[in-house]
C-alpha atoms as a PDB file:
ATOM      1  CA  MET A   1     -23.607  -3.337   0.577  1.00  0.00           C
ATOM      2  CA  ALA A   2     -25.970  -1.996  -1.292  1.00  0.00           C
ATOM      3  CA  ALA A   3     -28.628  -1.513   1.046  1.00  0.00           C
ATOM      4  CA  ARG A   4     -25.363   0.338   3.894  1.00  0.00           C
ATOM      5  CA  PRO A   5     -22.677   1.149   2.123  1.00  0.00           C
ATOM      6  CA  PRO A   6     -19.942   1.806   3.456  1.00  0.00           C
ATOM      7  CA  ALA A   7     -19.195   5.371   5.177  1.00  0.00           C
ATOM      8  CA  PRO A   8     -16.745   7.456   3.688  1.00  0.00           C
ATOM      9  CA  THR A   9     -13.848   7.396   6.064  1.00  0.00           C
ATOM     10  CA  GLU A  10     -15.023   3.712   6.802  1.00  0.00           C
ATOM     11  CA  LEU A  11     -13.250   2.795   3.179  1.00  0.00           C
ATOM     12  CA  ARG A  12     -10.299   4.615   3.457  1.00  0.00           C
ATOM     13  CA  ARG A  13      -9.164   2.432   6.181  1.00  0.00           C
ATOM     14  CA  PHE A  14      -9.433  -0.402   3.391  1.00  0.00           C
ATOM     15  CA  SER A  15      -8.184   1.844   0.741  1.00  0.00           C
ATOM     16  CA  GLN A  16      -5.169   2.933   2.793  1.00  0.00           C
ATOM     17  CA  ARG A  17      -3.895  -0.209   4.059  1.00  0.00           C
ATOM     18  CA  TYR A  18      -4.787  -1.931   0.601  1.00  0.00           C
ATOM     19  CA  GLY A  19      -4.289   0.108  -2.109  1.00  0.00           C
ATOM     20  CA  ALA A  20      -7.513   1.891  -3.143  1.00  0.00           C
ATOM     21  CA  GLU A  21      -6.903  -0.669  -6.822  1.00  0.00           C
ATOM     22  CA  ALA A  22      -7.205  -2.697  -4.619  1.00  0.00           C
ATOM     23  CA  LEU A  23     -11.052  -2.386  -4.001  1.00  0.00           C
ATOM     24  CA  LEU A  24     -11.710  -2.512  -6.908  1.00  0.00           C
ATOM     25  CA  ASP A  25     -14.021  -5.325  -7.952  1.00  0.00           C
ATOM     26  CA  ARG A  26     -13.227  -5.711 -12.030  1.00  0.00           C
ATOM     27  CA  ASN A  27     -15.415  -9.019 -12.338  1.00  0.00           C
ATOM     28  CA  SER A  28     -18.109  -7.284 -11.334  1.00  0.00           C
ATOM     29  CA  GLN A  29     -20.731  -6.328 -13.875  1.00  0.00           C
ATOM     30  CA  SER A  30     -20.766  -2.148 -12.973  1.00  0.00           C
ATOM     31  CA  PHE A  31     -17.061  -2.424 -13.898  1.00  0.00           C
ATOM     32  CA  ARG A  32     -17.765  -4.119 -16.705  1.00  0.00           C
ATOM     33  CA  ASN A  33     -20.860  -1.944 -17.266  1.00  0.00           C
ATOM     34  CA  GLY A  34     -19.383   1.171 -16.728  1.00  0.00           C
ATOM     35  CA  GLY A  35     -16.525   1.689 -19.482  1.00  0.00           C
ATOM     36  CA  LEU A  36     -13.831   1.703 -16.180  1.00  0.00           C
ATOM     37  CA  ALA A  37     -11.386  -1.722 -17.660  1.00  0.00           C
ATOM     38  CA  HIS A  38     -10.227   1.299 -20.372  1.00  0.00           C
ATOM     39  CA  MET A  39      -9.766   4.085 -18.317  1.00  0.00           C
ATOM     40  CA  ARG A  40      -7.188   5.989 -16.093  1.00  0.00           C
ATOM     41  CA  LEU A  41      -7.923   6.400 -12.533  1.00  0.00           C
ATOM     42  CA  ASP A  42      -5.789   7.428  -9.962  1.00  0.00           C
ATOM     43  CA  ALA A  43      -6.787   6.014  -6.066  1.00  0.00           C
ATOM     44  CA  ALA A  44      -8.611   9.805  -5.454  1.00  0.00           C
ATOM     45  CA  GLU A  45     -10.744   8.800  -8.250  1.00  0.00           C
ATOM     46  CA  ILE A  46     -11.138   4.614  -7.664  1.00  0.00           C
ATOM     47  CA  GLU A  47     -12.677   6.379  -4.266  1.00  0.00           C
ATOM     48  CA  GLU A  48     -15.018   8.039  -5.892  1.00  0.00           C
ATOM     49  CA  ARG A  49     -16.375   5.512  -7.796  1.00  0.00           C
ATOM     50  CA  LEU A  50     -16.792   3.368  -5.026  1.00  0.00           C
ATOM     51  CA  LEU A  51     -18.346   5.413  -2.937  1.00  0.00           C
ATOM     52  CA  ALA A  52     -21.290   6.519  -5.690  1.00  0.00           C
ATOM     53  CA  ASP A  53     -21.715   3.041  -6.939  1.00  0.00           C
ATOM     54  CA  SER A  54     -20.911   0.068  -4.052  1.00  0.00           C
ATOM     55  CA  ARG A  55     -20.876  -2.539  -6.729  1.00  0.00           C
ATOM     56  CA  LEU A  56     -18.109  -1.733  -7.383  1.00  0.00           C
ATOM     57  CA  ILE A  57     -16.054  -3.518  -4.133  1.00  0.00           C
ATOM     58  CA  ARG A  58     -14.244  -6.077  -3.665  1.00  0.00           C
ATOM     59  CA  LEU A  59     -15.637  -8.564  -1.380  1.00  0.00           C
ATOM     60  CA  PRO A  60     -15.860  -9.517   1.528  1.00  0.00           C
ATOM     61  CA  LEU A  61     -14.503  -6.516   2.855  1.00  0.00           C
ATOM     62  CA  VAL A  62     -13.939  -7.057   7.180  1.00  0.00           C
ATOM     63  CA  ARG A  63     -12.926  -4.791   9.263  1.00  0.00           C
ATOM     64  CA  ALA A  64     -12.936  -6.367  13.385  1.00  0.00           C
ATOM     65  CA  GLY A  65     -11.173  -3.259  15.616  1.00  0.00           C
ATOM     66  CA  SER A  66      -8.108  -1.802  14.281  1.00  0.00           C
ATOM     67  CA  HIS A  67      -7.371  -5.463  11.197  1.00  0.00           C
ATOM     68  CA  VAL A  68      -9.064  -5.172   8.446  1.00  0.00           C
ATOM     69  CA  ALA A  69      -9.423  -7.769   5.529  1.00  0.00           C
ATOM     70  CA  VAL A  70     -10.156  -7.225   1.764  1.00  0.00           C
ATOM     71  CA  GLY A  71     -11.249 -10.783  -0.638  1.00  0.00           C
ATOM     72  CA  ASP A  72      -9.345 -13.532  -0.511  1.00  0.00           C
ATOM     73  CA  ASP A  73      -6.559 -12.102   1.951  1.00  0.00           C
ATOM     74  CA  GLU A  74      -5.301 -15.370   3.417  1.00  0.00           C
ATOM     75  CA  PRO A  75      -2.464 -13.788   5.761  1.00  0.00           C
ATOM     76  CA  SER A  76      -4.962 -10.577   6.790  1.00  0.00           C
ATOM     77  CA  TRP A  77      -8.281 -13.238   8.028  1.00  0.00           C
ATOM     78  CA  GLN A  78      -5.302 -14.948  10.291  1.00  0.00           C
ATOM     79  CA  ASP A  79      -4.742 -11.938  11.637  1.00  0.00           C
ATOM     80  CA  ILE A  80      -8.340 -11.198  12.138  1.00  0.00           C
ATOM     81  CA  LEU A  81      -8.965 -14.795  13.625  1.00  0.00           C
ATOM     82  CA  ARG A  82      -6.291 -13.331  16.156  1.00  0.00           C
ATOM     83  CA  HIS A  83      -7.349 -10.646  16.593  1.00  0.00           C
ATOM     84  CA  LEU A  84     -11.176 -11.915  18.277  1.00  0.00           C
ATOM     85  CA  GLN A  85      -9.583 -15.147  20.071  1.00  0.00           C
ATOM     86  CA  GLY A  86      -7.330 -12.910  21.904  1.00  0.00           C
ATOM     87  CA  GLN A  87     -10.371 -11.243  22.711  1.00  0.00           C
ATOM     88  CA  SER A  88     -12.077 -13.653  23.738  1.00  0.00           C
ATOM     89  CA  ALA A  89      -9.600 -15.251  26.117  1.00  0.00           C
ATOM     90  CA  PRO A  90     -10.850 -15.042  29.892  1.00  0.00           C
END
């Protein structure tokens, strides 16, 4: 993420599926040091913060085609696996 942060359109794809709040890593040092715990931010403001500092993004953040997963969302991971297995079938 530090070397190549997500493009705004890519981040919005995750935000549309999960909501901007779900992408915010509340356990990150950047979150604590930025004083974000005491701020009330709307979705657009959260997206701006995530684009400005990719260390605030909750990981892992994975896309496989139109399928996306953030963090430990097991149903989404299962969906991605099914999608990938379907692609490799002859």
